[in-house]
Full PDB file with SEQRES, HELIX, SHEET, SSBOND, CRYST1, ORIGX, SCALE, CONECT and MASTER records, all heavy atoms in Angstrom:
SEQRES   1 A   43  ASN LYS ALA PHE LYS ILE LEU LYS GLU TYR LEU PRO GLY          
SEQRES   2 A   43  PRO PHE THR PHE ILE LEU PRO THR SER PRO ALA LEU PRO          
SEQRES   3 A   43  LYS VAL PHE LYS GLY ARG LYS GLU VAL GLY VAL ARG ILE          
SEQRES   4 A   43  PRO ASP ASN ASN                                              
HELIX    1 AA1 LYS A    2  TYR A   10  1                                   9    
HELIX    2 AA2 LYS A   27  PHE A   29  5                                   3    
SHEET    1 AA1 2 THR A  16  PRO A  20  0                                        
SHEET    2 AA1 2 GLU A  34  ARG A  38 -1                                        
CRYST1    1.000    1.000    1.000  90.00  90.00  90.00 P 1           1          
ORIGX1      1.000000  0.000000  0.000000        0.00000                         
ORIGX2      0.000000  1.000000  0.000000        0.00000                         
ORIGX3      0.000000  0.000000  1.000000        0.00000                         
SCALE1      1.000000  0.000000  0.000000        0.00000                         
SCALE2      0.000000  1.000000  0.000000        0.00000                         
SCALE3      0.000000  0.000000  1.000000        0.00000                         
ATOM      1  N   ASN A   1      -5.041 -12.106  -0.276  1.00  0.00           N  
ATOM      2  CA  ASN A   1      -4.134 -12.992  -0.996  1.00  0.00           C  
ATOM      3  C   ASN A   1      -3.877 -12.545  -2.430  1.00  0.00           C  
ATOM      4  O   ASN A   1      -2.741 -12.592  -2.922  1.00  0.00           O  
ATOM      5  CB  ASN A   1      -4.681 -14.426  -0.992  1.00  0.00           C  
ATOM      6  CG  ASN A   1      -4.599 -15.062   0.379  1.00  0.00           C  
ATOM      7  OD1 ASN A   1      -3.784 -14.667   1.210  1.00  0.00           O  
ATOM      8  ND2 ASN A   1      -5.444 -16.058   0.632  1.00  0.00           N  
ATOM      9  N   LYS A   2      -4.938 -12.091  -3.110  1.00  0.00           N  
ATOM     10  CA  LYS A   2      -4.764 -11.650  -4.498  1.00  0.00           C  
ATOM     11  C   LYS A   2      -3.918 -10.378  -4.565  1.00  0.00           C  
ATOM     12  O   LYS A   2      -3.045 -10.245  -5.425  1.00  0.00           O  
ATOM     13  CB  LYS A   2      -6.134 -11.418  -5.149  1.00  0.00           C  
ATOM     14  CG  LYS A   2      -6.886 -12.701  -5.453  1.00  0.00           C  
ATOM     15  CD  LYS A   2      -8.192 -12.414  -6.178  1.00  0.00           C  
ATOM     16  CE  LYS A   2      -8.929 -13.709  -6.505  1.00  0.00           C  
ATOM     17  NZ  LYS A   2     -10.220 -13.454  -7.195  1.00  0.00           N  
ATOM     18  N   ALA A   3      -4.206  -9.458  -3.654  1.00  0.00           N  
ATOM     19  CA  ALA A   3      -3.420  -8.224  -3.621  1.00  0.00           C  
ATOM     20  C   ALA A   3      -1.957  -8.526  -3.290  1.00  0.00           C  
ATOM     21  O   ALA A   3      -1.036  -7.918  -3.860  1.00  0.00           O  
ATOM     22  CB  ALA A   3      -4.007  -7.247  -2.610  1.00  0.00           C  
ATOM     23  N   PHE A   4      -1.733  -9.470  -2.385  1.00  0.00           N  
ATOM     24  CA  PHE A   4      -0.365  -9.836  -2.019  1.00  0.00           C  
ATOM     25  C   PHE A   4       0.396 -10.346  -3.240  1.00  0.00           C  
ATOM     26  O   PHE A   4       1.561  -9.981  -3.462  1.00  0.00           O  
ATOM     27  CB  PHE A   4      -0.373 -10.900  -0.924  1.00  0.00           C  
ATOM     28  CG  PHE A   4       1.007 -11.379  -0.545  1.00  0.00           C  
ATOM     29  CD1 PHE A   4       1.785 -10.658   0.337  1.00  0.00           C  
ATOM     30  CD2 PHE A   4       1.521 -12.549  -1.102  1.00  0.00           C  
ATOM     31  CE1 PHE A   4       3.070 -11.083   0.671  1.00  0.00           C  
ATOM     32  CE2 PHE A   4       2.802 -12.982  -0.774  1.00  0.00           C  
ATOM     33  CZ  PHE A   4       3.574 -12.256   0.119  1.00  0.00           C  
ATOM     34  N   LYS A   5      -0.249 -11.176  -4.053  1.00  0.00           N  
ATOM     35  CA  LYS A   5       0.409 -11.696  -5.248  1.00  0.00           C  
ATOM     36  C   LYS A   5       0.764 -10.576  -6.221  1.00  0.00           C  
ATOM     37  O   LYS A   5       1.833 -10.588  -6.849  1.00  0.00           O  
ATOM     38  CB  LYS A   5      -0.499 -12.724  -5.931  1.00  0.00           C  
ATOM     39  CG  LYS A   5      -0.624 -14.032  -5.160  1.00  0.00           C  
ATOM     40  CD  LYS A   5      -1.546 -15.004  -5.887  1.00  0.00           C  
ATOM     41  CE  LYS A   5      -1.689 -16.306  -5.104  1.00  0.00           C  
ATOM     42  NZ  LYS A   5      -2.616 -17.255  -5.776  1.00  0.00           N  
ATOM     43  N   ILE A   6      -0.132  -9.591  -6.338  1.00  0.00           N  
ATOM     44  CA  ILE A   6       0.141  -8.445  -7.225  1.00  0.00           C  
ATOM     45  C   ILE A   6       1.322  -7.644  -6.697  1.00  0.00           C  
ATOM     46  O   ILE A   6       2.255  -7.308  -7.442  1.00  0.00           O  
ATOM     47  CB  ILE A   6      -1.107  -7.559  -7.357  1.00  0.00           C  
ATOM     48  CG1 ILE A   6      -2.216  -8.310  -8.111  1.00  0.00           C  
ATOM     49  CG2 ILE A   6      -0.766  -6.251  -8.064  1.00  0.00           C  
ATOM     50  CD1 ILE A   6      -3.559  -7.595  -8.102  1.00  0.00           C  
ATOM     51  N   LEU A   7       1.303  -7.325  -5.409  1.00  0.00           N  
ATOM     52  CA  LEU A   7       2.390  -6.550  -4.817  1.00  0.00           C  
ATOM     53  C   LEU A   7       3.712  -7.305  -4.918  1.00  0.00           C  
ATOM     54  O   LEU A   7       4.765  -6.712  -5.204  1.00  0.00           O  
ATOM     55  CB  LEU A   7       2.081  -6.213  -3.360  1.00  0.00           C  
ATOM     56  CG  LEU A   7       1.355  -4.887  -3.104  1.00  0.00           C  
ATOM     57  CD1 LEU A   7       0.002  -4.841  -3.818  1.00  0.00           C  
ATOM     58  CD2 LEU A   7       1.174  -4.646  -1.616  1.00  0.00           C  
ATOM     59  N   LYS A   8       3.654  -8.611  -4.694  1.00  0.00           N  
ATOM     60  CA  LYS A   8       4.873  -9.426  -4.754  1.00  0.00           C  
ATOM     61  C   LYS A   8       5.472  -9.394  -6.155  1.00  0.00           C  
ATOM     62  O   LYS A   8       6.702  -9.395  -6.330  1.00  0.00           O  
ATOM     63  CB  LYS A   8       4.525 -10.867  -4.366  1.00  0.00           C  
ATOM     64  CG  LYS A   8       5.714 -11.773  -4.177  1.00  0.00           C  
ATOM     65  CD  LYS A   8       6.420 -11.507  -2.881  1.00  0.00           C  
ATOM     66  CE  LYS A   8       7.507 -12.550  -2.631  1.00  0.00           C  
ATOM     67  NZ  LYS A   8       8.308 -12.216  -1.429  1.00  0.00           N  
ATOM     68  N   GLU A   9       4.603  -9.332  -7.176  1.00  0.00           N  
ATOM     69  CA  GLU A   9       5.081  -9.339  -8.560  1.00  0.00           C  
ATOM     70  C   GLU A   9       5.690  -8.002  -8.970  1.00  0.00           C  
ATOM     71  O   GLU A   9       6.684  -7.970  -9.707  1.00  0.00           O  
ATOM     72  CB  GLU A   9       3.925  -9.689  -9.498  1.00  0.00           C  
ATOM     73  CG  GLU A   9       4.320  -9.707 -10.968  1.00  0.00           C  
ATOM     74  CD  GLU A   9       3.182 -10.102 -11.885  1.00  0.00           C  
ATOM     75  OE1 GLU A   9       2.103 -10.502 -11.385  1.00  0.00           O  
ATOM     76  OE2 GLU A   9       3.361 -10.014 -13.115  1.00  0.00           O  
ATOM     77  N   TYR A  10       5.098  -6.906  -8.495  1.00  0.00           N  
ATOM     78  CA  TYR A  10       5.473  -5.588  -9.028  1.00  0.00           C  
ATOM     79  C   TYR A  10       6.352  -4.749  -8.089  1.00  0.00           C  
ATOM     80  O   TYR A  10       6.854  -3.708  -8.515  1.00  0.00           O  
ATOM     81  CB  TYR A  10       4.213  -4.791  -9.371  1.00  0.00           C  
ATOM     82  CG  TYR A  10       3.520  -5.301 -10.606  1.00  0.00           C  
ATOM     83  CD1 TYR A  10       2.470  -6.200 -10.516  1.00  0.00           C  
ATOM     84  CD2 TYR A  10       3.926  -4.905 -11.875  1.00  0.00           C  
ATOM     85  CE1 TYR A  10       1.825  -6.686 -11.650  1.00  0.00           C  
ATOM     86  CE2 TYR A  10       3.296  -5.375 -13.017  1.00  0.00           C  
ATOM     87  CZ  TYR A  10       2.254  -6.268 -12.894  1.00  0.00           C  
ATOM     88  OH  TYR A  10       1.633  -6.745 -14.020  1.00  0.00           O  
ATOM     89  N   LEU A  11       6.521  -5.172  -6.857  1.00  0.00           N  
ATOM     90  CA  LEU A  11       7.291  -4.379  -5.906  1.00  0.00           C  
ATOM     91  C   LEU A  11       8.539  -5.130  -5.445  1.00  0.00           C  
ATOM     92  O   LEU A  11       8.508  -6.352  -5.342  1.00  0.00           O  
ATOM     93  CB  LEU A  11       6.413  -4.030  -4.692  1.00  0.00           C  
ATOM     94  CG  LEU A  11       5.183  -3.181  -5.005  1.00  0.00           C  
ATOM     95  CD1 LEU A  11       4.353  -2.972  -3.742  1.00  0.00           C  
ATOM     96  CD2 LEU A  11       5.574  -1.834  -5.615  1.00  0.00           C  
ATOM     97  N   PRO A  12       9.633  -4.414  -5.190  1.00  0.00           N  
ATOM     98  CA  PRO A  12       9.788  -2.959  -5.326  1.00  0.00           C  
ATOM     99  C   PRO A  12       9.696  -2.518  -6.791  1.00  0.00           C  
ATOM    100  O   PRO A  12      10.163  -3.225  -7.669  1.00  0.00           O  
ATOM    101  CB  PRO A  12      11.189  -2.697  -4.771  1.00  0.00           C  
ATOM    102  CG  PRO A  12      11.552  -3.906  -3.964  1.00  0.00           C  
ATOM    103  CD  PRO A  12      10.848  -5.044  -4.644  1.00  0.00           C  
ATOM    104  N   GLY A  13       9.119  -1.347  -6.981  1.00  0.00           N  
ATOM    105  CA  GLY A  13       8.975  -0.827  -8.326  1.00  0.00           C  
ATOM    106  C   GLY A  13       8.242   0.490  -8.340  1.00  0.00           C  
ATOM    107  O   GLY A  13       7.741   0.955  -7.310  1.00  0.00           O  
ATOM    108  N   PRO A  14       8.139   1.139  -9.525  1.00  0.00           N  
ATOM    109  CA  PRO A  14       7.555   2.476  -9.652  1.00  0.00           C  
ATOM    110  C   PRO A  14       6.032   2.453  -9.694  1.00  0.00           C  
ATOM    111  O   PRO A  14       5.411   2.867 -10.666  1.00  0.00           O  
ATOM    112  CB  PRO A  14       8.157   2.993 -10.950  1.00  0.00           C  
ATOM    113  CG  PRO A  14       8.332   1.762 -11.780  1.00  0.00           C  
ATOM    114  CD  PRO A  14       8.699   0.672 -10.814  1.00  0.00           C  
ATOM    115  N   PHE A  15       5.440   1.920  -8.629  1.00  0.00           N  
ATOM    116  CA  PHE A  15       3.985   1.802  -8.539  1.00  0.00           C  
ATOM    117  C   PHE A  15       3.495   2.340  -7.200  1.00  0.00           C  
ATOM    118  O   PHE A  15       4.187   2.251  -6.190  1.00  0.00           O  
ATOM    119  CB  PHE A  15       3.541   0.338  -8.648  1.00  0.00           C  
ATOM    120  CG  PHE A  15       3.854  -0.299  -9.968  1.00  0.00           C  
ATOM    121  CD1 PHE A  15       5.066  -0.948 -10.164  1.00  0.00           C  
ATOM    122  CD2 PHE A  15       2.943  -0.234 -11.014  1.00  0.00           C  
ATOM    123  CE1 PHE A  15       5.364  -1.526 -11.388  1.00  0.00           C  
ATOM    124  CE2 PHE A  15       3.234  -0.814 -12.235  1.00  0.00           C  
ATOM    125  CZ  PHE A  15       4.450  -1.461 -12.427  1.00  0.00           C  
ATOM    126  N   THR A  16       2.290   2.904  -7.227  1.00  0.00           N  
ATOM    127  CA  THR A  16       1.550   3.208  -6.006  1.00  0.00           C  
ATOM    128  C   THR A  16       0.291   2.353  -6.046  1.00  0.00           C  
ATOM    129  O   THR A  16      -0.524   2.488  -6.962  1.00  0.00           O  
ATOM    130  CB  THR A  16       1.160   4.695  -5.932  1.00  0.00           C  
ATOM    131  OG1 THR A  16       2.340   5.504  -5.959  1.00  0.00           O  
ATOM    132  CG2 THR A  16       0.375   4.989  -4.652  1.00  0.00           C  
ATOM    133  N   PHE A  17       0.145   1.470  -5.076  1.00  0.00           N  
ATOM    134  CA  PHE A  17      -1.033   0.607  -5.016  1.00  0.00           C  
ATOM    135  C   PHE A  17      -1.998   1.138  -3.962  1.00  0.00           C  
ATOM    136  O   PHE A  17      -1.620   1.306  -2.794  1.00  0.00           O  
ATOM    137  CB  PHE A  17      -0.640  -0.835  -4.706  1.00  0.00           C  
ATOM    138  CG  PHE A  17       0.026  -1.528  -5.857  1.00  0.00           C  
ATOM    139  CD1 PHE A  17       1.399  -1.740  -5.870  1.00  0.00           C  
ATOM    140  CD2 PHE A  17      -0.720  -1.948  -6.944  1.00  0.00           C  
ATOM    141  CE1 PHE A  17       2.010  -2.368  -6.942  1.00  0.00           C  
ATOM    142  CE2 PHE A  17      -0.118  -2.577  -8.029  1.00  0.00           C  
ATOM    143  CZ  PHE A  17       1.243  -2.784  -8.030  1.00  0.00           C  
ATOM    144  N   ILE A  18      -3.210   1.424  -4.392  1.00  0.00           N  
ATOM    145  CA  ILE A  18      -4.239   1.896  -3.469  1.00  0.00           C  
ATOM    146  C   ILE A  18      -4.906   0.687  -2.827  1.00  0.00           C  
ATOM    147  O   ILE A  18      -5.434  -0.182  -3.521  1.00  0.00           O  
ATOM    148  CB  ILE A  18      -5.276   2.777  -4.185  1.00  0.00           C  
ATOM    149  CG1 ILE A  18      -4.581   4.003  -4.800  1.00  0.00           C  
ATOM    150  CG2 ILE A  18      -6.373   3.219  -3.220  1.00  0.00           C  
ATOM    151  CD1 ILE A  18      -5.490   4.874  -5.640  1.00  0.00           C  
ATOM    152  N   LEU A  19      -4.854   0.658  -1.497  1.00  0.00           N  
ATOM    153  CA  LEU A  19      -5.333  -0.486  -0.733  1.00  0.00           C  
ATOM    154  C   LEU A  19      -6.267  -0.027   0.374  1.00  0.00           C  
ATOM    155  O   LEU A  19      -6.226   1.142   0.789  1.00  0.00           O  
ATOM    156  CB  LEU A  19      -4.146  -1.228  -0.115  1.00  0.00           C  
ATOM    157  CG  LEU A  19      -3.238  -1.983  -1.087  1.00  0.00           C  
ATOM    158  CD1 LEU A  19      -1.854  -2.159  -0.494  1.00  0.00           C  
ATOM    159  CD2 LEU A  19      -3.852  -3.334  -1.428  1.00  0.00           C  
ATOM    160  N   PRO A  20      -7.101  -0.924   0.899  1.00  0.00           N  
ATOM    161  CA  PRO A  20      -7.917  -0.565   2.059  1.00  0.00           C  
ATOM    162  C   PRO A  20      -7.029  -0.312   3.277  1.00  0.00           C  
ATOM    163  O   PRO A  20      -6.002  -0.984   3.458  1.00  0.00           O  
ATOM    164  CB  PRO A  20      -8.804  -1.807   2.267  1.00  0.00           C  
ATOM    165  CG  PRO A  20      -8.738  -2.574   0.993  1.00  0.00           C  
ATOM    166  CD  PRO A  20      -7.390  -2.297   0.412  1.00  0.00           C  
ATOM    167  N   THR A  21      -7.392   0.647   4.078  1.00  0.00           N  
ATOM    168  CA  THR A  21      -6.591   0.979   5.256  1.00  0.00           C  
ATOM    169  C   THR A  21      -6.761  -0.053   6.360  1.00  0.00           C  
ATOM    170  O   THR A  21      -7.761  -0.770   6.415  1.00  0.00           O  
ATOM    171  CB  THR A  21      -6.975   2.362   5.810  1.00  0.00           C  
ATOM    172  OG1 THR A  21      -8.375   2.356   6.124  1.00  0.00           O  
ATOM    173  CG2 THR A  21      -6.694   3.461   4.820  1.00  0.00           C  
ATOM    174  N   SER A  22      -5.778  -0.077   7.248  1.00  0.00           N  
ATOM    175  CA  SER A  22      -5.877  -0.898   8.454  1.00  0.00           C  
ATOM    176  C   SER A  22      -5.988   0.032   9.655  1.00  0.00           C  
ATOM    177  O   SER A  22      -5.585   1.197   9.602  1.00  0.00           O  
ATOM    178  CB  SER A  22      -4.653  -1.811   8.590  1.00  0.00           C  
ATOM    179  OG  SER A  22      -3.736  -1.299   9.506  1.00  0.00           O  
ATOM    180  N   PRO A  23      -6.509  -0.464  10.790  1.00  0.00           N  
ATOM    181  CA  PRO A  23      -6.662   0.379  11.981  1.00  0.00           C  
ATOM    182  C   PRO A  23      -5.338   0.884  12.543  1.00  0.00           C  
ATOM    183  O   PRO A  23      -5.325   1.818  13.345  1.00  0.00           O  
ATOM    184  CB  PRO A  23      -7.354  -0.557  12.984  1.00  0.00           C  
ATOM    185  CG  PRO A  23      -8.009  -1.608  12.156  1.00  0.00           C  
ATOM    186  CD  PRO A  23      -7.111  -1.801  10.967  1.00  0.00           C  
ATOM    187  N   ALA A  24      -4.217   0.299  12.127  1.00  0.00           N  
ATOM    188  CA  ALA A  24      -2.918   0.694  12.668  1.00  0.00           C  
ATOM    189  C   ALA A  24      -2.404   2.015  12.100  1.00  0.00           C  
ATOM    190  O   ALA A  24      -1.432   2.570  12.619  1.00  0.00           O  
ATOM    191  CB  ALA A  24      -1.887  -0.409  12.406  1.00  0.00           C  
ATOM    192  N   LEU A  25      -3.023   2.521  11.053  1.00  0.00           N  
ATOM    193  CA  LEU A  25      -2.574   3.791  10.486  1.00  0.00           C  
ATOM    194  C   LEU A  25      -2.692   4.917  11.508  1.00  0.00           C  
ATOM    195  O   LEU A  25      -3.604   4.910  12.343  1.00  0.00           O  
ATOM    196  CB  LEU A  25      -3.397   4.150   9.240  1.00  0.00           C  
ATOM    197  CG  LEU A  25      -2.934   3.536   7.917  1.00  0.00           C  
ATOM    198  CD1 LEU A  25      -3.958   3.807   6.834  1.00  0.00           C  
ATOM    199  CD2 LEU A  25      -1.580   4.090   7.495  1.00  0.00           C  
ATOM    200  N   PRO A  26      -1.778   5.893  11.466  1.00  0.00           N  
ATOM    201  CA  PRO A  26      -1.839   7.025  12.405  1.00  0.00           C  
ATOM    202  C   PRO A  26      -3.166   7.772  12.308  1.00  0.00           C  
ATOM    203  O   PRO A  26      -3.890   7.677  11.305  1.00  0.00           O  
ATOM    204  CB  PRO A  26      -0.677   7.910  11.943  1.00  0.00           C  
ATOM    205  CG  PRO A  26       0.266   6.973  11.262  1.00  0.00           C  
ATOM    206  CD  PRO A  26      -0.589   5.935  10.609  1.00  0.00           C  
ATOM    207  N   LYS A  27      -3.461   8.545  13.353  1.00  0.00           N  
ATOM    208  CA  LYS A  27      -4.785   9.159  13.471  1.00  0.00           C  
ATOM    209  C   LYS A  27      -5.112  10.137  12.359  1.00  0.00           C  
ATOM    210  O   LYS A  27      -6.285  10.379  12.069  1.00  0.00           O  
ATOM    211  CB  LYS A  27      -4.947   9.850  14.820  1.00  0.00           C  
ATOM    212  CG  LYS A  27      -4.019  11.036  15.052  1.00  0.00           C  
ATOM    213  CD  LYS A  27      -4.277  11.643  16.422  1.00  0.00           C  
ATOM    214  CE  LYS A  27      -3.396  12.862  16.677  1.00  0.00           C  
ATOM    215  NZ  LYS A  27      -3.658  13.448  18.004  1.00  0.00           N  
ATOM    216  N   VAL A  28      -4.090  10.704  11.703  1.00  0.00           N  
ATOM    217  CA  VAL A  28      -4.372  11.620  10.597  1.00  0.00           C  
ATOM    218  C   VAL A  28      -5.081  10.896   9.455  1.00  0.00           C  
ATOM    219  O   VAL A  28      -5.763  11.502   8.636  1.00  0.00           O  
ATOM    220  CB  VAL A  28      -3.075  12.289  10.090  1.00  0.00           C  
ATOM    221  CG1 VAL A  28      -2.208  11.291   9.342  1.00  0.00           C  
ATOM    222  CG2 VAL A  28      -3.382  13.490   9.194  1.00  0.00           C  
ATOM    223  N   PHE A  29      -4.957   9.555   9.418  1.00  0.00           N  
ATOM    224  CA  PHE A  29      -5.612   8.766   8.387  1.00  0.00           C  
ATOM    225  C   PHE A  29      -6.986   8.282   8.819  1.00  0.00           C  
ATOM    226  O   PHE A  29      -7.685   7.640   8.042  1.00  0.00           O  
ATOM    227  CB  PHE A  29      -4.763   7.536   8.040  1.00  0.00           C  
ATOM    228  CG  PHE A  29      -3.462   7.852   7.353  1.00  0.00           C  
ATOM    229  CD1 PHE A  29      -2.333   8.177   8.092  1.00  0.00           C  
ATOM    230  CD2 PHE A  29      -3.358   7.814   5.975  1.00  0.00           C  
ATOM    231  CE1 PHE A  29      -1.130   8.449   7.465  1.00  0.00           C  
ATOM    232  CE2 PHE A  29      -2.155   8.086   5.343  1.00  0.00           C  
ATOM    233  CZ  PHE A  29      -1.042   8.413   6.088  1.00  0.00           C  
ATOM    234  N   LYS A  30      -7.365   8.540  10.059  1.00  0.00           N  
ATOM    235  CA  LYS A  30      -8.634   8.017  10.559  1.00  0.00           C  
ATOM    236  C   LYS A  30      -9.787   8.520   9.706  1.00  0.00           C  
ATOM    237  O   LYS A  30      -9.849   9.689   9.314  1.00  0.00           O  
ATOM    238  CB  LYS A  30      -8.857   8.420  12.019  1.00  0.00           C  
ATOM    239  CG  LYS A  30      -7.826   7.843  12.981  1.00  0.00           C  
ATOM    240  CD  LYS A  30      -7.718   6.335  12.896  1.00  0.00           C  
ATOM    241  CE  LYS A  30      -6.697   5.800  13.890  1.00  0.00           C  
ATOM    242  NZ  LYS A  30      -6.403   4.371  13.719  1.00  0.00           N  
ATOM    243  N   GLY A  31     -10.711   7.637   9.424  1.00  0.00           N  
ATOM    244  CA  GLY A  31     -11.829   7.983   8.569  1.00  0.00           C  
ATOM    245  C   GLY A  31     -11.553   7.724   7.103  1.00  0.00           C  
ATOM    246  O   GLY A  31     -12.468   7.730   6.280  1.00  0.00           O  
ATOM    247  N   ARG A  32     -10.272   7.496   6.775  1.00  0.00           N  
ATOM    248  CA  ARG A  32      -9.924   7.198   5.396  1.00  0.00           C  
ATOM    249  C   ARG A  32     -10.104   5.720   5.147  1.00  0.00           C  
ATOM    250  O   ARG A  32      -9.731   4.879   5.965  1.00  0.00           O  
ATOM    251  CB  ARG A  32      -8.469   7.590   5.100  1.00  0.00           C  
ATOM    252  CG  ARG A  32      -8.156   9.059   5.340  1.00  0.00           C  
ATOM    253  CD  ARG A  32      -8.945   9.940   4.421  1.00  0.00           C  
ATOM    254  NE  ARG A  32      -8.779   9.561   3.016  1.00  0.00           N  
ATOM    255  CZ  ARG A  32      -9.681   9.800   2.070  1.00  0.00           C  
ATOM    256  NH1 ARG A  32     -10.814  10.389   2.372  1.00  0.00           N  
ATOM    257  NH2 ARG A  32      -9.458   9.446   0.834  1.00  0.00           N  
ATOM    258  N   LYS A  33     -10.653   5.351   4.018  1.00  0.00           N  
ATOM    259  CA  LYS A  33     -10.861   3.951   3.677  1.00  0.00           C  
ATOM    260  C   LYS A  33      -9.752   3.405   2.780  1.00  0.00           C  
ATOM    261  O   LYS A  33      -9.643   2.194   2.601  1.00  0.00           O  
ATOM    262  CB  LYS A  33     -12.210   3.776   2.984  1.00  0.00           C  
ATOM    263  CG  LYS A  33     -13.404   4.109   3.876  1.00  0.00           C  
ATOM    264  CD  LYS A  33     -14.709   3.883   3.131  1.00  0.00           C  
ATOM    265  CE  LYS A  33     -15.905   4.190   4.023  1.00  0.00           C  
ATOM    266  NZ  LYS A  33     -17.197   3.988   3.303  1.00  0.00           N  
ATOM    267  N   GLU A  34      -8.934   4.318   2.220  1.00  0.00           N  
ATOM    268  CA  GLU A  34      -7.906   3.897   1.284  1.00  0.00           C  
ATOM    269  C   GLU A  34      -6.583   4.583   1.596  1.00  0.00           C  
ATOM    270  O   GLU A  34      -6.564   5.697   2.112  1.00  0.00           O  
ATOM    271  CB  GLU A  34      -8.323   4.244  -0.150  1.00  0.00           C  
ATOM    272  CG  GLU A  34      -9.625   3.613  -0.604  1.00  0.00           C  
ATOM    273  CD  GLU A  34     -10.105   4.175  -1.919  1.00  0.00           C  
ATOM    274  OE1 GLU A  34      -9.528   5.187  -2.391  1.00  0.00           O  
ATOM    275  OE2 GLU A  34     -11.057   3.629  -2.489  1.00  0.00           O  
ATOM    276  N   VAL A  35      -5.498   3.896   1.266  1.00  0.00           N  
ATOM    277  CA  VAL A  35      -4.166   4.477   1.405  1.00  0.00           C  
ATOM    278  C   VAL A  35      -3.318   4.011   0.224  1.00  0.00           C  
ATOM    279  O   VAL A  35      -3.447   2.871  -0.241  1.00  0.00           O  
ATOM    280  CB  VAL A  35      -3.507   4.070   2.745  1.00  0.00           C  
ATOM    281  CG1 VAL A  35      -3.317   2.557   2.836  1.00  0.00           C  
ATOM    282  CG2 VAL A  35      -2.193   4.809   2.957  1.00  0.00           C  
ATOM    283  N   GLY A  36      -2.495   4.912  -0.301  1.00  0.00           N  
ATOM    284  CA  GLY A  36      -1.572   4.541  -1.368  1.00  0.00           C  
ATOM    285  C   GLY A  36      -0.292   3.977  -0.763  1.00  0.00           C  
ATOM    286  O   GLY A  36       0.282   4.574   0.150  1.00  0.00           O  
ATOM    287  N   VAL A  37       0.141   2.839  -1.250  1.00  0.00           N  
ATOM    288  CA  VAL A  37       1.347   2.191  -0.723  1.00  0.00           C  
ATOM    289  C   VAL A  37       2.434   2.180  -1.797  1.00  0.00           C  
ATOM    290  O   VAL A  37       2.212   1.733  -2.919  1.00  0.00           O  
ATOM    291  CB  VAL A  37       1.038   0.748  -0.262  1.00  0.00           C  
ATOM    292  CG1 VAL A  37       2.334  -0.003   0.038  1.00  0.00           C  
ATOM    293  CG2 VAL A  37       0.136   0.764   0.965  1.00  0.00           C  
ATOM    294  N   ARG A  38       3.609   2.703  -1.413  1.00  0.00           N  
ATOM    295  CA  ARG A  38       4.783   2.709  -2.298  1.00  0.00           C  
ATOM    296  C   ARG A  38       5.894   1.888  -1.656  1.00  0.00           C  
ATOM    297  O   ARG A  38       6.183   2.051  -0.474  1.00  0.00           O  
ATOM    298  CB  ARG A  38       5.297   4.144  -2.492  1.00  0.00           C  
ATOM    299  CG  ARG A  38       4.464   4.996  -3.397  1.00  0.00           C  
ATOM    300  CD  ARG A  38       4.859   4.842  -4.858  1.00  0.00           C  
ATOM    301  NE  ARG A  38       6.045   5.585  -5.244  1.00  0.00           N  
ATOM    302  CZ  ARG A  38       7.085   5.053  -5.859  1.00  0.00           C  
ATOM    303  NH1 ARG A  38       7.158   3.764  -6.110  1.00  0.00           N  
ATOM    304  NH2 ARG A  38       8.114   5.803  -6.226  1.00  0.00           N  
ATOM    305  N   ILE A  39       6.494   0.999  -2.428  1.00  0.00           N  
ATOM    306  CA  ILE A  39       7.728   0.325  -2.033  1.00  0.00           C  
ATOM    307  C   ILE A  39       8.669   0.493  -3.218  1.00  0.00           C  
ATOM    308  O   ILE A  39       8.746  -0.367  -4.110  1.00  0.00           O  
ATOM    309  CB  ILE A  39       7.495  -1.169  -1.699  1.00  0.00           C  
ATOM    310  CG1 ILE A  39       6.423  -1.314  -0.614  1.00  0.00           C  
ATOM    311  CG2 ILE A  39       8.803  -1.819  -1.245  1.00  0.00           C  
ATOM    312  CD1 ILE A  39       6.043  -2.750  -0.300  1.00  0.00           C  
ATOM    313  N   PRO A  40       9.333   1.632  -3.288  1.00  0.00           N  
ATOM    314  CA  PRO A  40      10.104   1.949  -4.492  1.00  0.00           C  
ATOM    315  C   PRO A  40      11.348   1.080  -4.645  1.00  0.00           C  
ATOM    316  O   PRO A  40      11.906   0.579  -3.665  1.00  0.00           O  
ATOM    317  CB  PRO A  40      10.480   3.422  -4.286  1.00  0.00           C  
ATOM    318  CG  PRO A  40      10.403   3.636  -2.821  1.00  0.00           C  
ATOM    319  CD  PRO A  40       9.374   2.702  -2.292  1.00  0.00           C  
ATOM    320  N   ASP A  41      11.763   0.934  -5.881  1.00  0.00           N  
ATOM    321  CA  ASP A  41      13.003   0.220  -6.186  1.00  0.00           C  
ATOM    322  C   ASP A  41      14.164   1.194  -5.999  1.00  0.00           C  
ATOM    323  O   ASP A  41      14.861   1.564  -6.949  1.00  0.00           O  
ATOM    324  CB  ASP A  41      12.955  -0.327  -7.611  1.00  0.00           C  
ATOM    325  CG  ASP A  41      14.148  -1.230  -7.911  1.00  0.00           C  
ATOM    326  OD1 ASP A  41      14.850  -1.616  -6.957  1.00  0.00           O  
ATOM    327  OD2 ASP A  41      14.375  -1.535  -9.098  1.00  0.00           O  
ATOM    328  N   ASN A  42      14.327   1.618  -4.759  1.00  0.00           N  
ATOM    329  CA  ASN A  42      15.380   2.559  -4.386  1.00  0.00           C  
ATOM    330  C   ASN A  42      15.779   2.259  -2.943  1.00  0.00           C  
ATOM    331  O   ASN A  42      14.957   2.372  -2.034  1.00  0.00           O  
ATOM    332  CB  ASN A  42      14.892   4.004  -4.529  1.00  0.00           C  
ATOM    333  CG  ASN A  42      15.983   5.012  -4.207  1.00  0.00           C  
ATOM    334  OD1 ASN A  42      16.360   5.178  -3.056  1.00  0.00           O  
ATOM    335  ND2 ASN A  42      16.484   5.704  -5.222  1.00  0.00           N  
ATOM    336  N   ASN A  43      17.021   1.866  -2.754  1.00  0.00           N  
ATOM    337  CA  ASN A  43      17.471   1.441  -1.429  1.00  0.00           C  
ATOM    338  C   ASN A  43      17.397   2.550  -0.389  1.00  0.00           C  
ATOM    339  O   ASN A  43      17.202   2.279   0.800  1.00  0.00           O  
ATOM    340  CB  ASN A  43      18.906   0.921  -1.505  1.00  0.00           C  
ATOM    341  CG  ASN A  43      19.003  -0.401  -2.235  1.00  0.00           C  
ATOM    342  OD1 ASN A  43      18.041  -1.170  -2.261  1.00  0.00           O  
ATOM    343  ND2 ASN A  43      20.148  -0.674  -2.841  1.00  0.00           N  
TER     344      ASN A  43                                                      
MASTER        0    0    0    2    2    0    0    6  343    1    0    4          
END                                                                             
């Protein structure tokens, strides 16, 4: 919930937010605990 509020405030925008991974990530990410998420302000 706290992370959602942060993302909602700053995205879309020029930020990369490092977040814990979910099991749905492709296998190349397996074993990784973190992923950078970008939602740029660019259509």
